[in-house]
């Protein structure tokens, strides 16, 4: 059963979504539905390869410093 959902978005974002949908031969509603379905699958780990799925969420809640990690990568690879 389908139901209506009202979303309030910036007018420019709506226009971008319409163009994007038109280019893909879909409606904005279908794109939103596809996105929500994808989120559900990603959270359950269904769409991830086995190795990635095993690591999914491993760092959740970790206190990571992006600048420190960037410096580490620069030192390692440059």
Foldseek 3Di string as FASTA:
>chain_A
DDDDDDDDDDPVVVVVLCVVQVVVVHHSVVVVVVVVVVVVCVVVPNVPDPVVSVCPPVCVPPDDDPVVVVVVVVVVPD
